[in-house]
Amino acid sequence: AFLFPAIWLLFKRQWIAGIAVAILQLVV
């Protein structure tokens, strides 16, 4: 989860949090 936070959340079926983390990583 530390190395791949968005992918880990999506794999754990936490869709909204995974997409939000991916968008936040792209923005940063």
PDB file of all heavy atoms in Angstrom:
ATOM      1  N   ALA A   1       0.842  -1.210   0.000  1.00  0.00           N
ATOM      2  CA  ALA A   1       0.000   0.000   0.000  1.00  0.00           C
ATOM      3  C   ALA A   1       0.871   1.252   0.000  1.00  0.00           C
ATOM      4  O   ALA A   1       0.472   2.277  -0.547  1.00  0.00           O
ATOM      5  CB  ALA A   1      -0.926   0.000   1.207  1.00  0.00           C
ATOM      6  N   PHE A   2       2.038   1.194   0.619  1.00  0.00           N
ATOM      7  CA  PHE A   2       2.946   2.343   0.619  1.00  0.00           C
ATOM      8  C   PHE A   2       3.535   2.572  -0.770  1.00  0.00           C
ATOM      9  O   PHE A   2       3.626   3.708  -1.241  1.00  0.00           O
ATOM     10  CB  PHE A   2       4.070   2.128   1.634  1.00  0.00           C
ATOM     11  CG  PHE A   2       5.057   3.259   1.682  1.00  0.00           C
ATOM     12  CD1 PHE A   2       4.734   4.440   2.328  1.00  0.00           C
ATOM     13  CD2 PHE A   2       6.298   3.150   1.088  1.00  0.00           C
ATOM     14  CE1 PHE A   2       5.629   5.494   2.380  1.00  0.00           C
ATOM     15  CE2 PHE A   2       7.201   4.190   1.139  1.00  0.00           C
ATOM     16  CZ  PHE A   2       6.868   5.370   1.781  1.00  0.00           C
ATOM     17  N   LEU A   3       3.917   1.494  -1.448  1.00  0.00           N
ATOM     18  CA  LEU A   3       4.553   1.632  -2.766  1.00  0.00           C
ATOM     19  C   LEU A   3       3.556   1.966  -3.874  1.00  0.00           C
ATOM     20  O   LEU A   3       3.869   2.734  -4.781  1.00  0.00           O
ATOM     21  CB  LEU A   3       5.311   0.348  -3.111  1.00  0.00           C
ATOM     22  CG  LEU A   3       6.493   0.024  -2.191  1.00  0.00           C
ATOM     23  CD1 LEU A   3       7.067  -1.338  -2.539  1.00  0.00           C
ATOM     24  CD2 LEU A   3       7.547   1.105  -2.270  1.00  0.00           C
ATOM     25  N   PHE A   4       2.363   1.408  -3.811  1.00  0.00           N
ATOM     26  CA  PHE A   4       1.342   1.604  -4.843  1.00  0.00           C
ATOM     27  C   PHE A   4      -0.009   1.916  -4.195  1.00  0.00           C
ATOM     28  O   PHE A   4      -0.922   1.076  -4.218  1.00  0.00           O
ATOM     29  CB  PHE A   4       1.213   0.344  -5.710  1.00  0.00           C
ATOM     30  CG  PHE A   4       2.514  -0.172  -6.238  1.00  0.00           C
ATOM     31  CD1 PHE A   4       3.106  -1.296  -5.679  1.00  0.00           C
ATOM     32  CD2 PHE A   4       3.148   0.467  -7.286  1.00  0.00           C
ATOM     33  CE1 PHE A   4       4.300  -1.774  -6.163  1.00  0.00           C
ATOM     34  CE2 PHE A   4       4.349  -0.009  -7.770  1.00  0.00           C
ATOM     35  CZ  PHE A   4       4.933  -1.129  -7.206  1.00  0.00           C
ATOM     36  N   PRO A   5      -0.186   3.092  -3.626  1.00  0.00           N
ATOM     37  CA  PRO A   5      -1.405   3.354  -2.839  1.00  0.00           C
ATOM     38  C   PRO A   5      -2.705   3.278  -3.638  1.00  0.00           C
ATOM     39  O   PRO A   5      -3.665   2.656  -3.198  1.00  0.00           O
ATOM     40  CB  PRO A   5      -1.179   4.743  -2.258  1.00  0.00           C
ATOM     41  CG  PRO A   5      -0.077   5.337  -3.033  1.00  0.00           C
ATOM     42  CD  PRO A   5       0.722   4.235  -3.613  1.00  0.00           C
ATOM     43  N   ALA A   6      -2.754   3.899  -4.795  1.00  0.00           N
ATOM     44  CA  ALA A   6      -3.998   3.903  -5.574  1.00  0.00           C
ATOM     45  C   ALA A   6      -4.334   2.500  -6.075  1.00  0.00           C
ATOM     46  O   ALA A   6      -5.489   2.058  -5.992  1.00  0.00           O
ATOM     47  CB  ALA A   6      -3.887   4.874  -6.747  1.00  0.00           C
ATOM     48  N   ILE A   7      -3.346   1.793  -6.574  1.00  0.00           N
ATOM     49  CA  ILE A   7      -3.577   0.432  -7.090  1.00  0.00           C
ATOM     50  C   ILE A   7      -4.012  -0.489  -5.948  1.00  0.00           C
ATOM     51  O   ILE A   7      -4.911  -1.316  -6.116  1.00  0.00           O
ATOM     52  CB  ILE A   7      -2.312  -0.096  -7.793  1.00  0.00           C
ATOM     53  CG1 ILE A   7      -2.033   0.752  -9.038  1.00  0.00           C
ATOM     54  CG2 ILE A   7      -2.459  -1.564  -8.156  1.00  0.00           C
ATOM     55  CD1 ILE A   7      -0.704   0.483  -9.687  1.00  0.00           C
ATOM     56  N   TRP A   8      -3.387  -0.348  -4.774  1.00  0.00           N
ATOM     57  CA  TRP A   8      -3.741  -1.186  -3.633  1.00  0.00           C
ATOM     58  C   TRP A   8      -5.191  -0.955  -3.232  1.00  0.00           C
ATOM     59  O   TRP A   8      -5.932  -1.902  -2.963  1.00  0.00           O
ATOM     60  CB  TRP A   8      -2.804  -0.884  -2.460  1.00  0.00           C
ATOM     61  CG  TRP A   8      -3.017  -1.773  -1.272  1.00  0.00           C
ATOM     62  CD1 TRP A   8      -2.481  -3.000  -1.065  1.00  0.00           C
ATOM     63  CD2 TRP A   8      -3.833  -1.494  -0.131  1.00  0.00           C
ATOM     64  NE1 TRP A   8      -2.909  -3.503   0.147  1.00  0.00           N
ATOM     65  CE2 TRP A   8      -3.735  -2.596   0.730  1.00  0.00           C
ATOM     66  CE3 TRP A   8      -4.616  -0.421   0.246  1.00  0.00           C
ATOM     67  CZ2 TRP A   8      -4.409  -2.648   1.939  1.00  0.00           C
ATOM     68  CZ3 TRP A   8      -5.285  -0.475   1.460  1.00  0.00           C
ATOM     69  CH2 TRP A   8      -5.176  -1.585   2.292  1.00  0.00           C
ATOM     70  N   LEU A   9      -5.609   0.317  -3.170  1.00  0.00           N
ATOM     71  CA  LEU A   9      -6.999   0.621  -2.808  1.00  0.00           C
ATOM     72  C   LEU A   9      -7.981   0.074  -3.839  1.00  0.00           C
ATOM     73  O   LEU A   9      -9.032  -0.473  -3.477  1.00  0.00           O
ATOM     74  CB  LEU A   9      -7.183   2.126  -2.645  1.00  0.00           C
ATOM     75  CG  LEU A   9      -6.608   2.724  -1.358  1.00  0.00           C
ATOM     76  CD1 LEU A   9      -6.579   4.236  -1.450  1.00  0.00           C
ATOM     77  CD2 LEU A   9      -7.398   2.271  -0.158  1.00  0.00           C
ATOM     78  N   LEU A  10      -7.640   0.190  -5.119  1.00  0.00           N
ATOM     79  CA  LEU A  10      -8.520  -0.349  -6.156  1.00  0.00           C
ATOM     80  C   LEU A  10      -8.581  -1.875  -6.084  1.00  0.00           C
ATOM     81  O   LEU A  10      -9.636  -2.471  -6.288  1.00  0.00           O
ATOM     82  CB  LEU A  10      -8.056   0.113  -7.532  1.00  0.00           C
ATOM     83  CG  LEU A  10      -8.223   1.610  -7.806  1.00  0.00           C
ATOM     84  CD1 LEU A  10      -7.552   1.991  -9.118  1.00  0.00           C
ATOM     85  CD2 LEU A  10      -9.680   2.013  -7.808  1.00  0.00           C
ATOM     86  N   PHE A  11      -7.466  -2.504  -5.807  1.00  0.00           N
ATOM     87  CA  PHE A  11      -7.441  -3.958  -5.670  1.00  0.00           C
ATOM     88  C   PHE A  11      -8.290  -4.416  -4.490  1.00  0.00           C
ATOM     89  O   PHE A  11      -8.913  -5.479  -4.533  1.00  0.00           O
ATOM     90  CB  PHE A  11      -5.995  -4.445  -5.509  1.00  0.00           C
ATOM     91  CG  PHE A  11      -5.865  -5.926  -5.416  1.00  0.00           C
ATOM     92  CD1 PHE A  11      -6.004  -6.723  -6.539  1.00  0.00           C
ATOM     93  CD2 PHE A  11      -5.624  -6.538  -4.200  1.00  0.00           C
ATOM     94  CE1 PHE A  11      -5.898  -8.099  -6.455  1.00  0.00           C
ATOM     95  CE2 PHE A  11      -5.516  -7.908  -4.098  1.00  0.00           C
ATOM     96  CZ  PHE A  11      -5.651  -8.692  -5.230  1.00  0.00           C
ATOM     97  N   LYS A  12      -8.336  -3.624  -3.426  1.00  0.00           N
ATOM     98  CA  LYS A  12      -9.152  -3.935  -2.253  1.00  0.00           C
ATOM     99  C   LYS A  12     -10.605  -3.492  -2.416  1.00  0.00           C
ATOM    100  O   LYS A  12     -11.365  -3.495  -1.454  1.00  0.00           O
ATOM    101  CB  LYS A  12      -8.565  -3.272  -0.999  1.00  0.00           C
ATOM    102  CG  LYS A  12      -7.193  -3.784  -0.624  1.00  0.00           C
ATOM    103  CD  LYS A  12      -7.266  -5.210  -0.169  1.00  0.00           C
ATOM    104  CE  LYS A  12      -5.923  -5.694   0.310  1.00  0.00           C
ATOM    105  NZ  LYS A  12      -5.951  -7.062   0.792  1.00  0.00           N
ATOM    106  N   ARG A  13     -10.967  -3.091  -3.618  1.00  0.00           N
ATOM    107  CA  ARG A  13     -12.338  -2.704  -3.973  1.00  0.00           C
ATOM    108  C   ARG A  13     -12.815  -1.452  -3.239  1.00  0.00           C
ATOM    109  O   ARG A  13     -13.995  -1.300  -2.951  1.00  0.00           O
ATOM    110  CB  ARG A  13     -13.294  -3.865  -3.766  1.00  0.00           C
ATOM    111  CG  ARG A  13     -12.886  -5.110  -4.555  1.00  0.00           C
ATOM    112  CD  ARG A  13     -13.804  -6.273  -4.341  1.00  0.00           C
ATOM    113  NE  ARG A  13     -15.139  -6.018  -4.777  1.00  0.00           N
ATOM    114  CZ  ARG A  13     -15.616  -6.235  -6.000  1.00  0.00           C
ATOM    115  NH1 ARG A  13     -14.827  -6.710  -6.919  1.00  0.00           N
ATOM    116  NH2 ARG A  13     -16.859  -5.977  -6.291  1.00  0.00           N
ATOM    117  N   GLN A  14     -11.899  -0.558  -2.950  1.00  0.00           N
ATOM    118  CA  GLN A  14     -12.223   0.737  -2.364  1.00  0.00           C
ATOM    119  C   GLN A  14     -12.171   1.756  -3.499  1.00  0.00           C
ATOM    120  O   GLN A  14     -11.210   2.515  -3.646  1.00  0.00           O
ATOM    121  CB  GLN A  14     -11.235   1.078  -1.241  1.00  0.00           C
ATOM    122  CG  GLN A  14     -11.208   0.064  -0.127  1.00  0.00           C
ATOM    123  CD  GLN A  14     -12.538  -0.046   0.586  1.00  0.00           C
ATOM    124  OE1 GLN A  14     -13.168   0.953   0.920  1.00  0.00           O
ATOM    125  NE2 GLN A  14     -12.983  -1.267   0.815  1.00  0.00           N
ATOM    126  N   TRP A  15     -13.196   1.752  -4.344  1.00  0.00           N
ATOM    127  CA  TRP A  15     -13.189   2.465  -5.608  1.00  0.00           C
ATOM    128  C   TRP A  15     -13.035   3.975  -5.444  1.00  0.00           C
ATOM    129  O   TRP A  15     -12.189   4.590  -6.101  1.00  0.00           O
ATOM    130  CB  TRP A  15     -14.450   2.151  -6.408  1.00  0.00           C
ATOM    131  CG  TRP A  15     -14.709   0.698  -6.582  1.00  0.00           C
ATOM    132  CD1 TRP A  15     -15.773  -0.009  -6.101  1.00  0.00           C
ATOM    133  CD2 TRP A  15     -13.889  -0.259  -7.266  1.00  0.00           C
ATOM    134  NE1 TRP A  15     -15.667  -1.329  -6.445  1.00  0.00           N
ATOM    135  CE2 TRP A  15     -14.521  -1.509  -7.170  1.00  0.00           C
ATOM    136  CE3 TRP A  15     -12.683  -0.183  -7.950  1.00  0.00           C
ATOM    137  CZ2 TRP A  15     -13.995  -2.667  -7.731  1.00  0.00           C
ATOM    138  CZ3 TRP A  15     -12.151  -1.329  -8.501  1.00  0.00           C
ATOM    139  CH2 TRP A  15     -12.805  -2.547  -8.395  1.00  0.00           C
ATOM    140  N   ILE A  16     -13.834   4.573  -4.618  1.00  0.00           N
ATOM    141  CA  ILE A  16     -13.813   6.033  -4.487  1.00  0.00           C
ATOM    142  C   ILE A  16     -12.477   6.503  -3.920  1.00  0.00           C
ATOM    143  O   ILE A  16     -11.867   7.445  -4.430  1.00  0.00           O
ATOM    144  CB  ILE A  16     -14.996   6.517  -3.613  1.00  0.00           C
ATOM    145  CG1 ILE A  16     -16.309   6.187  -4.315  1.00  0.00           C
ATOM    146  CG2 ILE A  16     -14.882   7.999  -3.317  1.00  0.00           C
ATOM    147  CD1 ILE A  16     -17.548   6.449  -3.493  1.00  0.00           C
ATOM    148  N   ALA A  17     -12.002   5.844  -2.870  1.00  0.00           N
ATOM    149  CA  ALA A  17     -10.716   6.229  -2.275  1.00  0.00           C
ATOM    150  C   ALA A  17      -9.575   5.990  -3.252  1.00  0.00           C
ATOM    151  O   ALA A  17      -8.656   6.817  -3.358  1.00  0.00           O
ATOM    152  CB  ALA A  17     -10.480   5.452  -0.990  1.00  0.00           C
ATOM    153  N   GLY A  18      -9.600   4.900  -3.992  1.00  0.00           N
ATOM    154  CA  GLY A  18      -8.543   4.611  -4.961  1.00  0.00           C
ATOM    155  C   GLY A  18      -8.485   5.632  -6.080  1.00  0.00           C
ATOM    156  O   GLY A  18      -7.401   6.102  -6.467  1.00  0.00           O
ATOM    157  N   ILE A  19      -9.638   6.006  -6.593  1.00  0.00           N
ATOM    158  CA  ILE A  19      -9.679   7.017  -7.659  1.00  0.00           C
ATOM    159  C   ILE A  19      -9.254   8.372  -7.112  1.00  0.00           C
ATOM    160  O   ILE A  19      -8.510   9.108  -7.767  1.00  0.00           O
ATOM    161  CB  ILE A  19     -11.095   7.064  -8.283  1.00  0.00           C
ATOM    162  CG1 ILE A  19     -11.360   5.757  -9.050  1.00  0.00           C
ATOM    163  CG2 ILE A  19     -11.246   8.264  -9.191  1.00  0.00           C
ATOM    164  CD1 ILE A  19     -12.790   5.573  -9.489  1.00  0.00           C
ATOM    165  N   ALA A  20      -9.687   8.712  -5.896  1.00  0.00           N
ATOM    166  CA  ALA A  20      -9.294   9.990  -5.299  1.00  0.00           C
ATOM    167  C   ALA A  20      -7.784  10.061  -5.077  1.00  0.00           C
ATOM    168  O   ALA A  20      -7.153  11.090  -5.350  1.00  0.00           O
ATOM    169  CB  ALA A  20     -10.028  10.198  -3.975  1.00  0.00           C
ATOM    170  N   VAL A  21      -7.182   8.970  -4.613  1.00  0.00           N
ATOM    171  CA  VAL A  21      -5.732   8.946  -4.397  1.00  0.00           C
ATOM    172  C   VAL A  21      -5.002   9.060  -5.724  1.00  0.00           C
ATOM    173  O   VAL A  21      -4.003   9.783  -5.848  1.00  0.00           O
ATOM    174  CB  VAL A  21      -5.311   7.675  -3.622  1.00  0.00           C
ATOM    175  CG1 VAL A  21      -3.813   7.460  -3.663  1.00  0.00           C
ATOM    176  CG2 VAL A  21      -5.784   7.768  -2.187  1.00  0.00           C
ATOM    177  N   ALA A  22      -5.482   8.362  -6.769  1.00  0.00           N
ATOM    178  CA  ALA A  22      -4.847   8.446  -8.096  1.00  0.00           C
ATOM    179  C   ALA A  22      -4.911   9.872  -8.638  1.00  0.00           C
ATOM    180  O   ALA A  22      -3.914  10.390  -9.169  1.00  0.00           O
ATOM    181  CB  ALA A  22      -5.513   7.468  -9.055  1.00  0.00           C
ATOM    182  N   ILE A  23      -6.064  10.519  -8.508  1.00  0.00           N
ATOM    183  CA  ILE A  23      -6.206  11.897  -8.988  1.00  0.00           C
ATOM    184  C   ILE A  23      -5.303  12.831  -8.188  1.00  0.00           C
ATOM    185  O   ILE A  23      -4.624  13.692  -8.764  1.00  0.00           O
ATOM    186  CB  ILE A  23      -7.688  12.342  -8.916  1.00  0.00           C
ATOM    187  CG1 ILE A  23      -8.498  11.593  -9.969  1.00  0.00           C
ATOM    188  CG2 ILE A  23      -7.810  13.843  -9.099  1.00  0.00           C
ATOM    189  CD1 ILE A  23      -9.999  11.790  -9.851  1.00  0.00           C
ATOM    190  N   LEU A  24      -5.265  12.649  -6.879  1.00  0.00           N
ATOM    191  CA  LEU A  24      -4.410  13.490  -6.040  1.00  0.00           C
ATOM    192  C   LEU A  24      -2.931  13.300  -6.384  1.00  0.00           C
ATOM    193  O   LEU A  24      -2.176  14.276  -6.442  1.00  0.00           O
ATOM    194  CB  LEU A  24      -4.656  13.195  -4.567  1.00  0.00           C
ATOM    195  CG  LEU A  24      -3.977  14.114  -3.565  1.00  0.00           C
ATOM    196  CD1 LEU A  24      -4.378  15.571  -3.803  1.00  0.00           C
ATOM    197  CD2 LEU A  24      -4.323  13.715  -2.154  1.00  0.00           C
ATOM    198  N   GLN A  25      -2.520  12.073  -6.659  1.00  0.00           N
ATOM    199  CA  GLN A  25      -1.135  11.829  -7.059  1.00  0.00           C
ATOM    200  C   GLN A  25      -0.820  12.507  -8.393  1.00  0.00           C
ATOM    201  O   GLN A  25       0.257  13.088  -8.556  1.00  0.00           O
ATOM    202  CB  GLN A  25      -0.855  10.330  -7.160  1.00  0.00           C
ATOM    203  CG  GLN A  25      -0.713   9.653  -5.820  1.00  0.00           C
ATOM    204  CD  GLN A  25      -0.416   8.178  -5.962  1.00  0.00           C
ATOM    205  OE1 GLN A  25      -1.092   7.464  -6.701  1.00  0.00           O
ATOM    206  NE2 GLN A  25       0.598   7.728  -5.229  1.00  0.00           N
ATOM    207  N   LEU A  26      -1.756  12.456  -9.337  1.00  0.00           N
ATOM    208  CA  LEU A  26      -1.546  13.124 -10.624  1.00  0.00           C
ATOM    209  C   LEU A  26      -1.465  14.642 -10.464  1.00  0.00           C
ATOM    210  O   LEU A  26      -0.621  15.298 -11.082  1.00  0.00           O
ATOM    211  CB  LEU A  26      -2.658  12.755 -11.604  1.00  0.00           C
ATOM    212  CG  LEU A  26      -2.613  11.340 -12.165  1.00  0.00           C
ATOM    213  CD1 LEU A  26      -3.876  11.040 -12.958  1.00  0.00           C
ATOM    214  CD2 LEU A  26      -1.380  11.153 -13.019  1.00  0.00           C
ATOM    215  N   VAL A  27      -2.330  15.205  -9.633  1.00  0.00           N
ATOM    216  CA  VAL A  27      -2.324  16.648  -9.399  1.00  0.00           C
ATOM    217  C   VAL A  27      -1.018  17.083  -8.745  1.00  0.00           C
ATOM    218  O   VAL A  27      -0.411  18.080  -9.149  1.00  0.00           O
ATOM    219  CB  VAL A  27      -3.553  17.064  -8.553  1.00  0.00           C
ATOM    220  CG1 VAL A  27      -3.419  18.481  -8.040  1.00  0.00           C
ATOM    221  CG2 VAL A  27      -4.828  16.902  -9.361  1.00  0.00           C
ATOM    222  N   VAL A  28      -0.574  16.345  -7.744  1.00  0.00           N
ATOM    223  CA  VAL A  28       0.678  16.683  -7.064  1.00  0.00           C
ATOM    224  C   VAL A  28       1.855  16.582  -8.027  1.00  0.00           C
ATOM    225  O   VAL A  28       2.728  17.454  -8.047  1.00  0.00           O
ATOM    226  CB  VAL A  28       0.885  15.776  -5.821  1.00  0.00           C
ATOM    227  CG1 VAL A  28       2.300  15.890  -5.282  1.00  0.00           C
ATOM    228  CG2 VAL A  28      -0.121  16.124  -4.751  1.00  0.00           C
TER     229      VAL A  28
END
